Amino acid sequence: MIRDRGKMKWQGFFMSEHTELLKQIPAEYEKVKKPELDEQKLQEIQIITMESLNYPLQSR
């Protein structure tokens, strides 16, 4: 009886530089650009923030 090891599967190797680049690719897609707020939007945010400081949360 002949003992055969079967098909050898090819397993490639990755260089360290290659794996680092592969890790960076998803991170670049997940980045979200900061919205550019005009003067009116900034004032609205400021008003909401100031109002929230005047009304503290009630503790139970």
PDB file of N, CA and C in Angstrom:
ATOM      1  N   MET A   1       0.851  -1.159   0.000  1.00  0.00           N
ATOM      2  CA  MET A   1       0.000   0.000   0.000  1.00  0.00           C
ATOM      3  C   MET A   1       0.905   1.232   0.000  1.00  0.00           C
ATOM      4  N   ILE A   2       0.531   2.220  -0.832  1.00  0.00           N
ATOM      5  CA  ILE A   2       1.304   3.448  -0.939  1.00  0.00           C
ATOM      6  C   ILE A   2       0.696   4.493  -0.012  1.00  0.00           C
ATOM      7  N   ARG A   3       1.557   5.079   0.814  1.00  0.00           N
ATOM      8  CA  ARG A   3       1.076   6.140   1.709  1.00  0.00           C
ATOM      9  C   ARG A   3       1.305   7.482   1.034  1.00  0.00           C
ATOM     10  N   ASP A   4       0.206   8.165   0.807  1.00  0.00           N
ATOM     11  CA  ASP A   4       0.268   9.454   0.144  1.00  0.00           C
ATOM     12  C   ASP A   4      -0.163  10.536   1.131  1.00  0.00           C
ATOM     13  N   ARG A   5       0.459  11.683   1.054  1.00  0.00           N
ATOM     14  CA  ARG A   5       0.110  12.770   1.960  1.00  0.00           C
ATOM     15  C   ARG A   5      -1.105  13.537   1.449  1.00  0.00           C
ATOM     16  N   GLY A   6      -1.627  13.207   0.343  1.00  0.00           N
ATOM     17  CA  GLY A   6      -2.773  13.913  -0.207  1.00  0.00           C
ATOM     18  C   GLY A   6      -2.327  15.198  -0.872  1.00  0.00           C
ATOM     19  N   LYS A   7      -3.277  15.994  -1.227  1.00  0.00           N
ATOM     20  CA  LYS A   7      -2.938  17.251  -1.880  1.00  0.00           C
ATOM     21  C   LYS A   7      -2.374  18.228  -0.862  1.00  0.00           C
ATOM     22  N   MET A   8      -1.301  18.839  -1.225  1.00  0.00           N
ATOM     23  CA  MET A   8      -0.721  19.880  -0.375  1.00  0.00           C
ATOM     24  C   MET A   8      -1.426  21.188  -0.737  1.00  0.00           C
ATOM     25  N   LYS A   9      -1.960  21.822   0.247  1.00  0.00           N
ATOM     26  CA  LYS A   9      -2.626  23.091  -0.008  1.00  0.00           C
ATOM     27  C   LYS A   9      -1.603  24.201   0.082  1.00  0.00           C
ATOM     28  N   TRP A  10      -1.711  25.118  -0.858  1.00  0.00           N
ATOM     29  CA  TRP A  10      -0.779  26.223  -0.874  1.00  0.00           C
ATOM     30  C   TRP A  10      -1.207  27.259   0.153  1.00  0.00           C
ATOM     31  N   GLN A  11      -0.315  27.584   1.024  1.00  0.00           N
ATOM     32  CA  GLN A  11      -0.577  28.634   1.994  1.00  0.00           C
ATOM     33  C   GLN A  11       0.438  29.730   1.758  1.00  0.00           C
ATOM     34  N   GLY A  12      -0.067  30.836   1.282  1.00  0.00           N
ATOM     35  CA  GLY A  12       0.818  31.949   0.998  1.00  0.00           C
ATOM     36  C   GLY A  12       1.300  32.598   2.287  1.00  0.00           C
ATOM     37  N   PHE A  13       2.235  33.458   2.168  1.00  0.00           N
ATOM     38  CA  PHE A  13       2.727  34.181   3.325  1.00  0.00           C
ATOM     39  C   PHE A  13       2.597  35.671   3.066  1.00  0.00           C
ATOM     40  N   PHE A  14       2.510  36.414   4.127  1.00  0.00           N
ATOM     41  CA  PHE A  14       2.381  37.862   4.018  1.00  0.00           C
ATOM     42  C   PHE A  14       3.563  38.507   4.718  1.00  0.00           C
ATOM     43  N   MET A  15       4.075  39.521   4.089  1.00  0.00           N
ATOM     44  CA  MET A  15       5.156  40.277   4.695  1.00  0.00           C
ATOM     45  C   MET A  15       4.565  41.232   5.730  1.00  0.00           C
ATOM     46  N   SER A  16       5.334  41.624   6.710  1.00  0.00           N
ATOM     47  CA  SER A  16       4.815  42.487   7.772  1.00  0.00           C
ATOM     48  C   SER A  16       4.291  43.812   7.216  1.00  0.00           C
ATOM     49  N   GLU A  17       4.951  44.352   6.189  1.00  0.00           N
ATOM     50  CA  GLU A  17       4.489  45.604   5.595  1.00  0.00           C
ATOM     51  C   GLU A  17       3.124  45.410   4.934  1.00  0.00           C
ATOM     52  N   HIS A  18       2.943  44.241   4.343  1.00  0.00           N
ATOM     53  CA  HIS A  18       1.685  43.949   3.666  1.00  0.00           C
ATOM     54  C   HIS A  18       0.541  43.844   4.670  1.00  0.00           C
ATOM     55  N   THR A  19       0.763  43.173   5.792  1.00  0.00           N
ATOM     56  CA  THR A  19      -0.299  43.035   6.790  1.00  0.00           C
ATOM     57  C   THR A  19      -0.642  44.382   7.412  1.00  0.00           C
ATOM     58  N   GLU A  20       0.356  45.262   7.607  1.00  0.00           N
ATOM     59  CA  GLU A  20       0.072  46.586   8.150  1.00  0.00           C
ATOM     60  C   GLU A  20      -0.809  47.394   7.202  1.00  0.00           C
ATOM     61  N   LEU A  21      -0.515  47.305   5.914  1.00  0.00           N
ATOM     62  CA  LEU A  21      -1.337  48.024   4.936  1.00  0.00           C
ATOM     63  C   LEU A  21      -2.746  47.465   4.888  1.00  0.00           C
ATOM     64  N   LEU A  22      -2.891  46.161   5.020  1.00  0.00           N
ATOM     65  CA  LEU A  22      -4.228  45.563   5.013  1.00  0.00           C
ATOM     66  C   LEU A  22      -5.036  45.999   6.228  1.00  0.00           C
ATOM     67  N   LYS A  23      -4.373  46.222   7.360  1.00  0.00           N
ATOM     68  CA  LYS A  23      -5.074  46.684   8.551  1.00  0.00           C
ATOM     69  C   LYS A  23      -5.504  48.138   8.404  1.00  0.00           C
ATOM     70  N   GLN A  24      -4.757  48.927   7.651  1.00  0.00           N
ATOM     71  CA  GLN A  24      -5.070  50.343   7.500  1.00  0.00           C
ATOM     72  C   GLN A  24      -6.233  50.584   6.547  1.00  0.00           C
ATOM     73  N   ILE A  25      -6.464  49.698   5.617  1.00  0.00           N
ATOM     74  CA  ILE A  25      -7.511  49.903   4.611  1.00  0.00           C
ATOM     75  C   ILE A  25      -8.893  50.049   5.251  1.00  0.00           C
ATOM     76  N   PRO A  26      -9.341  49.131   6.137  1.00  0.00           N
ATOM     77  CA  PRO A  26     -10.675  49.329   6.727  1.00  0.00           C
ATOM     78  C   PRO A  26     -10.758  50.593   7.577  1.00  0.00           C
ATOM     79  N   ALA A  27      -9.674  50.961   8.233  1.00  0.00           N
ATOM     80  CA  ALA A  27      -9.699  52.163   9.059  1.00  0.00           C
ATOM     81  C   ALA A  27      -9.941  53.401   8.212  1.00  0.00           C
ATOM     82  N   GLU A  28      -9.411  53.429   7.003  1.00  0.00           N
ATOM     83  CA  GLU A  28      -9.616  54.588   6.133  1.00  0.00           C
ATOM     84  C   GLU A  28     -11.064  54.697   5.685  1.00  0.00           C
ATOM     85  N   TYR A  29     -11.729  53.561   5.479  1.00  0.00           N
ATOM     86  CA  TYR A  29     -13.120  53.592   5.047  1.00  0.00           C
ATOM     87  C   TYR A  29     -14.060  53.997   6.181  1.00  0.00           C
ATOM     88  N   GLU A  30     -13.670  53.731   7.423  1.00  0.00           N
ATOM     89  CA  GLU A  30     -14.524  54.038   8.561  1.00  0.00           C
ATOM     90  C   GLU A  30     -14.434  55.491   8.994  1.00  0.00           C
ATOM     91  N   LYS A  31     -13.449  56.219   8.514  1.00  0.00           N
ATOM     92  CA  LYS A  31     -13.297  57.612   8.891  1.00  0.00           C
ATOM     93  C   LYS A  31     -14.459  58.437   8.349  1.00  0.00           C
ATOM     94  N   VAL A  32     -14.940  59.341   9.180  1.00  0.00           N
ATOM     95  CA  VAL A  32     -16.038  60.220   8.794  1.00  0.00           C
ATOM     96  C   VAL A  32     -15.513  61.652   8.837  1.00  0.00           C
ATOM     97  N   LYS A  33     -15.780  62.377   7.792  1.00  0.00           N
ATOM     98  CA  LYS A  33     -15.335  63.760   7.745  1.00  0.00           C
ATOM     99  C   LYS A  33     -16.151  64.601   8.721  1.00  0.00           C
ATOM    100  N   LYS A  34     -15.474  65.547   9.347  1.00  0.00           N
ATOM    101  CA  LYS A  34     -16.173  66.457  10.241  1.00  0.00           C
ATOM    102  C   LYS A  34     -17.053  67.383   9.407  1.00  0.00           C
ATOM    103  N   PRO A  35     -18.282  67.595   9.841  1.00  0.00           N
ATOM    104  CA  PRO A  35     -19.141  68.512   9.093  1.00  0.00           C
ATOM    105  C   PRO A  35     -18.672  69.950   9.291  1.00  0.00           C
ATOM    106  N   GLU A  36     -18.804  70.719   8.261  1.00  0.00           N
ATOM    107  CA  GLU A  36     -18.457  72.132   8.354  1.00  0.00           C
ATOM    108  C   GLU A  36     -19.707  72.891   8.791  1.00  0.00           C
ATOM    109  N   LEU A  37     -19.645  73.440   9.996  1.00  0.00           N
ATOM    110  CA  LEU A  37     -20.799  74.132  10.553  1.00  0.00           C
ATOM    111  C   LEU A  37     -20.708  75.627  10.251  1.00  0.00           C
ATOM    112  N   ASP A  38     -21.838  76.152   9.825  1.00  0.00           N
ATOM    113  CA  ASP A  38     -21.871  77.590   9.593  1.00  0.00           C
ATOM    114  C   ASP A  38     -22.183  78.297  10.917  1.00  0.00           C
ATOM    115  N   GLU A  39     -22.208  79.589  10.872  1.00  0.00           N
ATOM    116  CA  GLU A  39     -22.389  80.402  12.081  1.00  0.00           C
ATOM    117  C   GLU A  39     -23.726  80.104  12.769  1.00  0.00           C
ATOM    118  N   GLN A  40     -24.770  79.887  11.984  1.00  0.00           N
ATOM    119  CA  GLN A  40     -26.094  79.632  12.545  1.00  0.00           C
ATOM    120  C   GLN A  40     -26.129  78.309  13.303  1.00  0.00           C
ATOM    121  N   LYS A  41     -25.538  77.264  12.731  1.00  0.00           N
ATOM    122  CA  LYS A  41     -25.513  75.959  13.396  1.00  0.00           C
ATOM    123  C   LYS A  41     -24.720  76.031  14.699  1.00  0.00           C
ATOM    124  N   LEU A  42     -23.608  76.762  14.684  1.00  0.00           N
ATOM    125  CA  LEU A  42     -22.806  76.913  15.892  1.00  0.00           C
ATOM    126  C   LEU A  42     -23.589  77.629  16.990  1.00  0.00           C
ATOM    127  N   GLN A  43     -24.365  78.631  16.610  1.00  0.00           N
ATOM    128  CA  GLN A  43     -25.178  79.357  17.588  1.00  0.00           C
ATOM    129  C   GLN A  43     -26.265  78.450  18.163  1.00  0.00           C
ATOM    130  N   GLU A  44     -26.880  77.604  17.330  1.00  0.00           N
ATOM    131  CA  GLU A  44     -27.897  76.672  17.808  1.00  0.00           C
ATOM    132  C   GLU A  44     -27.305  75.696  18.821  1.00  0.00           C
ATOM    133  N   ILE A  45     -26.125  75.193  18.533  1.00  0.00           N
ATOM    134  CA  ILE A  45     -25.465  74.267  19.452  1.00  0.00           C
ATOM    135  C   ILE A  45     -25.144  74.973  20.768  1.00  0.00           C
ATOM    136  N   GLN A  46     -24.692  76.211  20.680  1.00  0.00           N
ATOM    137  CA  GLN A  46     -24.383  76.981  21.877  1.00  0.00           C
ATOM    138  C   GLN A  46     -25.629  77.219  22.722  1.00  0.00           C
ATOM    139  N   ILE A  47     -26.744  77.539  22.094  1.00  0.00           N
ATOM    140  CA  ILE A  47     -27.994  77.776  22.819  1.00  0.00           C
ATOM    141  C   ILE A  47     -28.443  76.500  23.527  1.00  0.00           C
ATOM    142  N   ILE A  48     -28.396  75.387  22.833  1.00  0.00           N
ATOM    143  CA  ILE A  48     -28.805  74.109  23.431  1.00  0.00           C
ATOM    144  C   ILE A  48     -27.906  73.764  24.611  1.00  0.00           C
ATOM    145  N   THR A  49     -26.608  74.005  24.459  1.00  0.00           N
ATOM    146  CA  THR A  49     -25.668  73.714  25.542  1.00  0.00           C
ATOM    147  C   THR A  49     -25.945  74.601  26.750  1.00  0.00           C
ATOM    148  N   MET A  50     -26.159  75.868  26.530  1.00  0.00           N
ATOM    149  CA  MET A  50     -26.428  76.790  27.636  1.00  0.00           C
ATOM    150  C   MET A  50     -27.748  76.445  28.332  1.00  0.00           C
ATOM    151  N   GLU A  51     -28.766  76.066  27.572  1.00  0.00           N
ATOM    152  CA  GLU A  51     -30.045  75.684  28.177  1.00  0.00           C
ATOM    153  C   GLU A  51     -29.896  74.424  29.017  1.00  0.00           C
ATOM    154  N   SER A  52     -29.095  73.490  28.548  1.00  0.00           N
ATOM    155  CA  SER A  52     -28.914  72.248  29.300  1.00  0.00           C
ATOM    156  C   SER A  52     -28.180  72.496  30.614  1.00  0.00           C
ATOM    157  N   LEU A  53     -27.329  73.517  30.649  1.00  0.00           N
ATOM    158  CA  LEU A  53     -26.638  73.846  31.895  1.00  0.00           C
ATOM    159  C   LEU A  53     -27.586  74.466  32.919  1.00  0.00           C
ATOM    160  N   ASN A  54     -28.634  75.109  32.445  1.00  0.00           N
ATOM    161  CA  ASN A  54     -29.614  75.729  33.354  1.00  0.00           C
ATOM    162  C   ASN A  54     -30.600  74.708  33.929  1.00  0.00           C
ATOM    163  N   TYR A  55     -30.744  73.571  33.310  1.00  0.00           N
ATOM    164  CA  TYR A  55     -31.691  72.554  33.747  1.00  0.00           C
ATOM    165  C   TYR A  55     -30.926  71.266  34.066  1.00  0.00           C
ATOM    166  N   PRO A  56     -30.383  71.158  35.280  1.00  0.00           N
ATOM    167  CA  PRO A  56     -29.652  69.942  35.628  1.00  0.00           C
ATOM    168  C   PRO A  56     -30.607  68.750  35.770  1.00  0.00           C
ATOM    169  N   LEU A  57     -30.067  67.552  35.614  1.00  0.00           N
ATOM    170  CA  LEU A  57     -30.873  66.342  35.743  1.00  0.00           C
ATOM    171  C   LEU A  57     -31.310  66.172  37.189  1.00  0.00           C
ATOM    172  N   GLN A  58     -32.540  65.723  37.369  1.00  0.00           N
ATOM    173  CA  GLN A  58     -33.042  65.491  38.710  1.00  0.00           C
ATOM    174  C   GLN A  58     -32.609  64.105  39.167  1.00  0.00           C
ATOM    175  N   SER A  59     -32.086  64.043  40.364  1.00  0.00           N
ATOM    176  CA  SER A  59     -31.684  62.729  40.891  1.00  0.00           C
ATOM    177  C   SER A  59     -32.877  62.083  41.571  1.00  0.00           C
ATOM    178  N   ARG A  60     -32.907  60.771  41.567  1.00  0.00           N
ATOM    179  CA  ARG A  60     -34.048  60.033  42.134  1.00  0.00           C
ATOM    180  C   ARG A  60     -33.763  59.624  43.549  1.00  0.00           C
TER     181      ARG A  60
END
